[in-house]
C-alpha atoms as a PDB file:
ATOM      1  CA  MET A   1    -206.684 -26.089  -5.786  1.00  0.00           C
ATOM      2  CA  ASN A   2    -205.742 -22.351  -5.587  1.00  0.00           C
ATOM      3  CA  ASN A   3    -202.167 -23.201  -6.068  1.00  0.00           C
ATOM      4  CA  LEU A   4    -202.656 -25.342  -9.109  1.00  0.00           C
ATOM      5  CA  LYS A   5    -200.128 -24.180 -11.879  1.00  0.00           C
ATOM      6  CA  LYS A   6    -200.608 -26.736 -14.571  1.00  0.00           C
ATOM      7  CA  LEU A   7    -203.707 -28.404 -15.857  1.00  0.00           C
ATOM      8  CA  SER A   8    -203.818 -30.710 -18.766  1.00  0.00           C
ATOM      9  CA  ILE A   9    -206.947 -32.779 -19.400  1.00  0.00           C
ATOM     10  CA  LYS A  10    -206.582 -34.190 -23.265  1.00  0.00           C
ATOM     11  CA  ASN A  11    -208.826 -36.526 -25.075  1.00  0.00           C
ATOM     12  CA  GLN A  12    -211.525 -36.951 -22.385  1.00  0.00           C
ATOM     13  CA  GLY A  13    -214.565 -35.739 -24.398  1.00  0.00           C
ATOM     14  CA  ILE A  14    -214.993 -32.487 -22.464  1.00  0.00           C
ATOM     15  CA  ARG A  15    -217.705 -30.324 -23.972  1.00  0.00           C
ATOM     16  CA  THR A  16    -217.555 -27.235 -21.971  1.00  0.00           C
ATOM     17  CA  ILE A  17    -215.024 -25.097 -20.008  1.00  0.00           C
ATOM     18  CA  THR A  18    -216.621 -24.333 -16.651  1.00  0.00           C
ATOM     19  CA  ASN A  19    -216.410 -20.798 -15.079  1.00  0.00           C
ATOM     20  CA  GLU A  20    -214.526 -22.562 -12.070  1.00  0.00           C
ATOM     21  CA  ILE A  21    -211.367 -22.910 -14.132  1.00  0.00           C
ATOM     22  CA  GLY A  22    -211.260 -19.255 -14.471  1.00  0.00           C
ATOM     23  CA  GLN A  23    -210.911 -18.965 -10.694  1.00  0.00           C
ATOM     24  CA  LEU A  24    -207.660 -20.943 -10.473  1.00  0.00           C
ATOM     25  CA  ASP A  25    -205.592 -17.968  -9.806  1.00  0.00           C
ATOM     26  CA  ALA A  26    -202.170 -19.583 -10.021  1.00  0.00           C
ATOM     27  CA  LEU A  27    -202.838 -21.477 -13.238  1.00  0.00           C
ATOM     28  CA  GLU A  28    -199.946 -20.879 -15.700  1.00  0.00           C
ATOM     29  CA  TYR A  29    -200.489 -23.855 -18.199  1.00  0.00           C
ATOM     30  CA  LEU A  30    -203.772 -25.230 -19.545  1.00  0.00           C
ATOM     31  CA  ASP A  31    -204.097 -27.758 -22.096  1.00  0.00           C
ATOM     32  CA  LEU A  32    -207.609 -28.829 -23.054  1.00  0.00           C
ATOM     33  CA  SER A  33    -206.760 -30.053 -26.647  1.00  0.00           C
ATOM     34  CA  SER A  34    -208.495 -32.861 -28.297  1.00  0.00           C
ATOM     35  CA  ASN A  35    -211.807 -32.865 -26.496  1.00  0.00           C
ATOM     36  CA  SER A  36    -215.202 -31.826 -27.746  1.00  0.00           C
ATOM     37  CA  ILE A  37    -215.249 -28.132 -26.476  1.00  0.00           C
ATOM     38  CA  THR A  38    -217.573 -25.879 -28.556  1.00  0.00           C
ATOM     39  CA  GLU A  39    -216.927 -22.415 -26.804  1.00  0.00           C
ATOM     40  CA  ILE A  40    -214.212 -20.451 -25.426  1.00  0.00           C
ATOM     41  CA  ASN A  41    -215.200 -19.435 -21.909  1.00  0.00           C
ATOM     42  CA  GLU A  42    -214.351 -15.842 -21.330  1.00  0.00           C
ATOM     43  CA  SER A  43    -213.749 -16.630 -17.564  1.00  0.00           C
ATOM     44  CA  LEU A  44    -210.243 -17.723 -18.604  1.00  0.00           C
ATOM     45  CA  ASN A  45    -209.447 -14.127 -19.013  1.00  0.00           C
ATOM     46  CA  ASN A  46    -209.418 -13.830 -15.324  1.00  0.00           C
ATOM     47  CA  LEU A  47    -206.344 -16.113 -15.213  1.00  0.00           C
ATOM     48  CA  ASN A  48    -203.610 -13.350 -14.767  1.00  0.00           C
ATOM     49  CA  HIS A  49    -200.740 -15.867 -14.575  1.00  0.00           C
ATOM     50  CA  LEU A  50    -201.643 -18.027 -17.716  1.00  0.00           C
ATOM     51  CA  LYS A  51    -198.824 -18.249 -19.888  1.00  0.00           C
ATOM     52  CA  TYR A  52    -199.928 -21.294 -22.164  1.00  0.00           C
ATOM     53  CA  ILE A  53    -203.152 -22.236 -23.668  1.00  0.00           C
ATOM     54  CA  ASN A  54    -203.798 -25.123 -25.859  1.00  0.00           C
ATOM     55  CA  LEU A  55    -207.497 -25.644 -27.190  1.00  0.00           C
ATOM     56  CA  GLU A  56    -206.414 -27.280 -30.561  1.00  0.00           C
ATOM     57  CA  LYS A  57    -208.376 -30.311 -32.071  1.00  0.00           C
ATOM     58  CA  ASN A  58    -211.717 -29.304 -30.642  1.00  0.00           C
ATOM     59  CA  SER A  59    -213.344 -29.280 -33.899  1.00  0.00           C
ATOM     60  CA  ASP A  60    -216.416 -27.188 -33.259  1.00  0.00           C
ATOM     61  CA  LEU A  61    -214.709 -24.478 -31.092  1.00  0.00           C
ATOM     62  CA  SER A  62    -215.954 -20.948 -31.366  1.00  0.00           C
ATOM     63  CA  GLY A  63    -215.607 -17.578 -29.601  1.00  0.00           C
ATOM     64  CA  LYS A  64    -212.982 -15.141 -28.855  1.00  0.00           C
ATOM     65  CA  THR A  65    -209.244 -15.597 -28.484  1.00  0.00           C
ATOM     66  CA  LEU A  66    -208.005 -14.688 -24.908  1.00  0.00           C
ATOM     67  CA  THR A  67    -206.676 -11.251 -23.975  1.00  0.00           C
ATOM     68  CA  ASN A  68    -204.459 -12.211 -20.948  1.00  0.00           C
ATOM     69  CA  GLU A  69    -201.299 -10.204 -20.968  1.00  0.00           C
ATOM     70  CA  SER A  70    -199.397 -13.048 -19.463  1.00  0.00           C
ATOM     71  CA  LEU A  71    -200.103 -15.365 -22.496  1.00  0.00           C
ATOM     72  CA  GLU A  72    -196.917 -16.381 -24.188  1.00  0.00           C
ATOM     73  CA  THR A  73    -198.377 -19.355 -26.193  1.00  0.00           C
ATOM     74  CA  CYS A  74    -201.899 -19.590 -27.255  1.00  0.00           C
ATOM     75  CA  ILE A  75    -203.108 -22.548 -29.522  1.00  0.00           C
ATOM     76  CA  TYR A  76    -206.639 -22.498 -30.706  1.00  0.00           C
ATOM     77  CA  GLY A  77    -206.385 -24.633 -33.874  1.00  0.00           C
ATOM     78  CA  GLU A  78    -207.933 -24.107 -37.266  1.00  0.00           C
ATOM     79  CA  SER A  79    -211.564 -23.245 -36.454  1.00  0.00           C
ATOM     80  CA  THR A  80    -213.084 -20.545 -38.650  1.00  0.00           C
ATOM     81  CA  SER A  81    -215.663 -19.815 -35.756  1.00  0.00           C
ATOM     82  CA  ILE A  82    -212.814 -18.152 -33.665  1.00  0.00           C
ATOM     83  CA  CYS A  83    -212.075 -14.538 -33.916  1.00  0.00           C
ATOM     84  CA  LYS A  84    -209.375 -12.447 -32.170  1.00  0.00           C
ATOM     85  CA  THR A  85    -210.348  -9.665 -29.894  1.00  0.00           C
ATOM     86  CA  LYS A  86    -207.129  -7.892 -30.288  1.00  0.00           C
ATOM     87  CA  GLU A  87    -203.454  -8.307 -31.477  1.00  0.00           C
ATOM     88  CA  MET A  88    -201.672 -10.607 -29.025  1.00  0.00           C
ATOM     89  CA  SER A  89    -198.135 -11.554 -29.492  1.00  0.00           C
ATOM     90  CA  CYS A  90    -198.923 -15.220 -28.496  1.00  0.00           C
ATOM     91  CA  LEU A  91    -200.691 -15.488 -31.969  1.00  0.00           C
ATOM     92  CA  ASP A  92    -197.719 -14.403 -33.870  1.00  0.00           C
ATOM     93  CA  ALA A  93    -195.935 -17.921 -33.682  1.00  0.00           C
ATOM     94  CA  ASN A  94    -199.041 -19.551 -35.283  1.00  0.00           C
ATOM     95  CA  ASP A  95    -199.435 -19.784 -39.088  1.00  0.00           C
ATOM     96  CA  ILE A  96    -203.253 -19.474 -38.531  1.00  0.00           C
ATOM     97  CA  LYS A  97    -204.466 -15.906 -39.053  1.00  0.00           C
ATOM     98  CA  TYR A  98    -207.713 -15.291 -37.145  1.00  0.00           C
ATOM     99  CA  GLU A  99    -210.070 -12.481 -38.415  1.00  0.00           C
ATOM    100  CA  LEU A 100    -210.619  -9.563 -35.980  1.00  0.00           C
ATOM    101  CA  CYS A 101    -214.155  -9.945 -34.163  1.00  0.00           C
ATOM    102  CA  SER A 102    -216.787  -7.792 -35.672  1.00  0.00           C
ATOM    103  CA  ASN A 103    -219.029  -5.288 -34.141  1.00  0.00           C
ATOM    104  CA  SER A 104    -222.041  -7.826 -34.499  1.00  0.00           C
ATOM    105  CA  SER A 105    -224.190  -8.659 -31.664  1.00  0.00           C
ATOM    106  CA  ASP A 106    -224.141 -12.375 -32.819  1.00  0.00           C
ATOM    107  CA  PRO A 107    -222.627 -14.386 -30.113  1.00  0.00           C
ATOM    108  CA  SER A 108    -220.746 -16.536 -32.800  1.00  0.00           C
ATOM    109  CA  ASN A 109    -219.391 -13.158 -34.172  1.00  0.00           C
ATOM    110  CA  PRO A 110    -218.329 -11.241 -30.929  1.00  0.00           C
ATOM    111  CA  THR A 111    -217.714  -7.507 -30.455  1.00  0.00           C
ATOM    112  CA  PRO A 112    -213.872  -6.716 -30.482  1.00  0.00           C
ATOM    113  CA  VAL A 113    -211.815  -4.951 -27.900  1.00  0.00           C
ATOM    114  CA  GLU A 114    -211.201  -1.332 -29.180  1.00  0.00           C
ATOM    115  CA  PHE A 115    -207.911  -0.186 -30.346  1.00  0.00           C
ATOM    116  CA  GLU A 116    -206.128   2.102 -28.277  1.00  0.00           C
ATOM    117  CA  ASN A 117    -205.757   4.650 -30.918  1.00  0.00           C
ATOM    118  CA  ASP A 118    -206.431   5.156 -34.668  1.00  0.00           C
ATOM    119  CA  CYS A 119    -202.906   4.531 -35.742  1.00  0.00           C
ATOM    120  CA  GLU A 120    -203.062   1.045 -34.224  1.00  0.00           C
ATOM    121  CA  GLU A 121    -206.322   0.504 -36.127  1.00  0.00           C
ATOM    122  CA  ILE A 122    -204.870   1.550 -39.372  1.00  0.00           C
ATOM    123  CA  LYS A 123    -201.789  -0.497 -38.771  1.00  0.00           C
ATOM    124  CA  TYR A 124    -204.128  -3.533 -38.184  1.00  0.00           C
ATOM    125  CA  LEU A 125    -206.159  -2.900 -41.225  1.00  0.00           C
ATOM    126  CA  LEU A 126    -203.066  -2.531 -43.611  1.00  0.00           C
ATOM    127  CA  LYS A 127    -201.422  -5.633 -42.189  1.00  0.00           C
ATOM    128  CA  ASP A 128    -204.689  -7.759 -42.388  1.00  0.00           C
ATOM    129  CA  LYS A 129    -205.095  -6.843 -45.845  1.00  0.00           C
ATOM    130  CA  LYS A 130    -201.575  -8.038 -46.657  1.00  0.00           C
ATOM    131  CA  TYR A 131    -199.985  -4.897 -47.204  1.00  0.00           C
ATOM    132  CA  SER A 132    -196.074  -4.836 -46.512  1.00  0.00           C
ATOM    133  CA  ASN A 133    -195.105  -3.699 -43.093  1.00  0.00           C
ATOM    134  CA  ASP A 134    -193.210  -0.762 -44.367  1.00  0.00           C
ATOM    135  CA  ILE A 135    -196.322   0.823 -46.004  1.00  0.00           C
ATOM    136  CA  ILE A 136    -196.782   3.435 -43.202  1.00  0.00           C
ATOM    137  CA  GLY A 137    -194.095   6.029 -43.001  1.00  0.00           C
ATOM    138  CA  ASN A 138    -195.664   8.049 -40.201  1.00  0.00           C
ATOM    139  CA  CYS A 139    -198.765   7.975 -38.189  1.00  0.00           C
ATOM    140  CA  THR A 140    -199.230  10.786 -35.622  1.00  0.00           C
ATOM    141  CA  ILE A 141    -202.109  10.979 -33.356  1.00  0.00           C
ATOM    142  CA  GLY A 142    -203.561  13.992 -31.174  1.00  0.00           C
ATOM    143  CA  ASP A 143    -204.470  13.936 -27.576  1.00  0.00           C
ATOM    144  CA  ASP A 144    -207.770  12.401 -28.344  1.00  0.00           C
ATOM    145  CA  GLY A 145    -206.133   9.343 -30.048  1.00  0.00           C
ATOM    146  CA  LYS A 146    -207.344  10.526 -33.468  1.00  0.00           C
ATOM    147  CA  VAL A 147    -205.026  10.491 -36.424  1.00  0.00           C
ATOM    148  CA  THR A 148    -203.632  13.998 -37.502  1.00  0.00           C
ATOM    149  CA  ILE A 149    -201.196  12.865 -40.107  1.00  0.00           C
ATOM    150  CA  LEU A 150    -200.864   9.394 -42.025  1.00  0.00           C
ATOM    151  CA  LYS A 151    -198.176   9.081 -44.422  1.00  0.00           C
ATOM    152  CA  ILE A 152    -198.112   6.034 -46.711  1.00  0.00           C
ATOM    153  CA  THR A 153    -194.883   5.521 -48.251  1.00  0.00           C
ATOM    154  CA  ASN A 154    -194.678   2.395 -50.116  1.00  0.00           C
ATOM    155  CA  LYS A 155    -195.197   2.896 -53.976  1.00  0.00           C
ATOM    156  CA  ASN A 156    -195.355  -0.768 -54.541  1.00  0.00           C
ATOM    157  CA  SER A 157    -198.629  -1.275 -52.550  1.00  0.00           C
ATOM    158  CA  VAL A 158    -201.919  -0.376 -54.455  1.00  0.00           C
ATOM    159  CA  LEU A 159    -204.873   0.386 -51.985  1.00  0.00           C
ATOM    160  CA  ASN A 160    -208.302  -0.680 -53.209  1.00  0.00           C
ATOM    161  CA  GLN A 161    -211.192   1.767 -52.870  1.00  0.00           C
ATOM    162  CA  GLU A 162    -212.775   0.120 -49.554  1.00  0.00           C
ATOM    163  CA  ASP A 163    -209.251   0.935 -48.098  1.00  0.00           C
ATOM    164  CA  ILE A 164    -208.818   4.384 -49.481  1.00  0.00           C
ATOM    165  CA  ASP A 165    -212.483   5.412 -48.221  1.00  0.00           C
ATOM    166  CA  LYS A 166    -211.526   4.138 -44.674  1.00  0.00           C
ATOM    167  CA  LEU A 167    -208.245   5.933 -44.573  1.00  0.00           C
ATOM    168  CA  THR A 168    -209.568   9.163 -45.875  1.00  0.00           C
ATOM    169  CA  SER A 169    -212.075   9.429 -43.063  1.00  0.00           C
ATOM    170  CA  TYR A 170    -209.142  10.517 -40.936  1.00  0.00           C
ATOM    171  CA  LYS A 171    -208.057  14.285 -40.843  1.00  0.00           C
ATOM    172  CA  SER A 172    -205.021  14.134 -42.723  1.00  0.00           C
ATOM    173  CA  LEU A 173    -203.588  11.763 -45.438  1.00  0.00           C
ATOM    174  CA  ASN A 174    -200.578  11.971 -47.420  1.00  0.00           C
ATOM    175  CA  ILE A 175    -199.650   9.360 -49.935  1.00  0.00           C
ATOM    176  CA  PHE A 176    -196.041   9.559 -51.259  1.00  0.00           C
END
């Protein structure tokens, strides 16, 4: 079954995703919706050609969203026990907003993938806090990936104290 490209097993009462599915190297399409799956198996991240995943209507589903770079469509459903490990374009089409995974060692609240640099983290923080997209006028990083300059330009956005404390931990902060 190494050449299998599409696998759809819906409404069959499946409870777990086995590690063997993560070994289907050619798999591009996986639909396991409307089952009884309780956890997203991280072995699915091994599927380098996976473009489509549907895990909706698995009412007790928990775990981390997949990080496969090839993913174009990822559907997880409305479970509050799912967190995103990093920003993925396949999540943009969903109306559902998943929280970023925390740093907790609790398996139901997994550790996130690290941001590439501080600017990405700040952009995520501000986007996640529902600030407008144009709030960052400039974000410059040094060779170490740390912020050297951050300009916040949107006068209509009011930052709360928690966000200000986080932002002021960086080397330079200019609010215009």
